[in-house]
């Protein structure tokens, strides 16, 4: 896995060189999903959002799978409209 620095947004993403897949940190993925990073991590632990666990403390989000999940119109029964 290599680390890629995006000059346009000054963010750091990981790229799996074997599969050419791009992984996002929880902060980057939360920005795309328009969620709080803590909510996204909680949903990942609950299995509600596609993710990959690199270690006991490190979770990353595959960009392609995250986009597909967002396009599918994800819902969470615990989220209530204000």
Protein backbone atom coordinates (compact mmCIF):
# COMPACT_ATOMS: atom_id res chain seq x y z
CA UNK A 1 0.00 0.00 0.00
CA UNK A 2 1.34 3.43 -0.88
CA UNK A 3 0.31 6.85 0.38
CA UNK A 4 -0.86 9.45 -2.15
CA UNK A 5 -0.99 13.19 -1.43
CA UNK A 6 -3.74 14.98 -3.31
CA UNK A 7 -2.57 18.49 -4.13
CA UNK A 8 -6.07 19.79 -4.86
CA UNK A 9 -7.46 19.09 -1.40
CA UNK A 10 -4.24 18.63 0.59
CA UNK A 11 -5.47 15.24 1.77
CA UNK A 12 -3.66 11.96 2.14
CA UNK A 13 -5.17 8.75 0.78
CA UNK A 14 -3.84 5.22 0.63
CA UNK A 15 -3.66 3.24 -2.58
CA UNK A 16 -3.46 -0.55 -2.66
CA UNK A 17 -0.92 -1.09 -5.43
CA UNK A 18 -1.97 -4.70 -6.02
CA UNK A 19 -5.60 -3.90 -6.85
CA UNK A 20 -5.16 -0.18 -7.67
CA UNK A 21 -7.91 0.61 -5.16
CA UNK A 22 -8.03 3.99 -3.39
CA UNK A 23 -8.72 4.05 0.36
CA UNK A 24 -9.85 7.08 2.35
CA UNK A 25 -9.40 7.94 6.00
CA UNK A 26 -12.54 8.38 8.10
CA UNK A 27 -12.16 12.15 7.88
CA UNK A 28 -11.94 12.11 4.06
CA UNK A 29 -14.78 9.60 3.70
CA UNK A 30 -16.98 11.56 6.10
CA UNK A 31 -16.46 14.71 4.04
CA UNK A 32 -17.65 12.89 0.90
CA UNK A 33 -20.60 11.25 2.70
CA UNK A 34 -21.49 14.49 4.52
CA UNK A 35 -21.43 12.72 7.86
CA UNK A 36 -19.49 13.31 11.03
CA UNK A 37 -16.36 11.11 11.13
CA UNK A 38 -17.48 9.55 14.44
CA UNK A 39 -20.83 8.57 12.89
CA UNK A 40 -19.08 7.03 9.89
CA UNK A 41 -16.72 5.03 12.12
CA UNK A 42 -19.63 3.86 14.28
CA UNK A 43 -21.54 2.74 11.18
CA UNK A 44 -18.42 0.94 9.93
CA UNK A 45 -18.12 -0.95 13.22
CA UNK A 46 -21.83 -1.86 12.92
CA UNK A 47 -21.29 -3.09 9.35
CA UNK A 48 -23.53 -0.42 7.78
CA UNK A 49 -20.86 1.10 5.52
CA UNK A 50 -18.19 -0.60 3.35
CA UNK A 51 -14.77 -0.45 5.00
CA UNK A 52 -11.56 -2.35 5.53
CA UNK A 53 -9.93 -2.79 8.90
CA UNK A 54 -6.14 -2.52 8.66
CA UNK A 55 -5.54 -3.09 12.36
CA UNK A 56 -7.49 -3.02 15.61
CA UNK A 57 -7.47 0.78 15.54
CA UNK A 58 -7.26 1.67 11.83
CA UNK A 59 -10.28 1.62 9.49
CA UNK A 60 -10.15 2.84 5.89
CA UNK A 61 -12.89 3.22 3.31
CA UNK A 62 -12.56 2.03 -0.31
CA UNK A 63 -13.53 4.99 -2.49
CA UNK A 64 -15.35 2.99 -5.18
CA UNK A 65 -17.39 1.02 -2.63
CA UNK A 66 -18.16 4.17 -0.64
CA UNK A 67 -19.47 5.92 -3.76
CA UNK A 68 -21.62 2.89 -4.65
CA UNK A 69 -22.99 2.81 -1.09
CA UNK A 70 -23.87 6.51 -1.28
CA UNK A 71 -25.51 6.11 -4.70
CA UNK A 72 -27.60 3.19 -3.41
CA UNK A 73 -29.38 5.64 -1.13
CA UNK A 74 -28.13 4.30 2.18
CA UNK A 75 -30.55 4.59 5.07
CA UNK A 76 -30.20 4.19 8.78
CA UNK A 77 -33.36 3.45 10.71
CA UNK A 78 -31.98 5.33 13.72
CA UNK A 79 -31.61 8.62 11.80
CA UNK A 80 -34.61 10.87 12.27
CA UNK A 81 -35.44 14.03 10.35
CA UNK A 82 -35.52 17.13 12.54
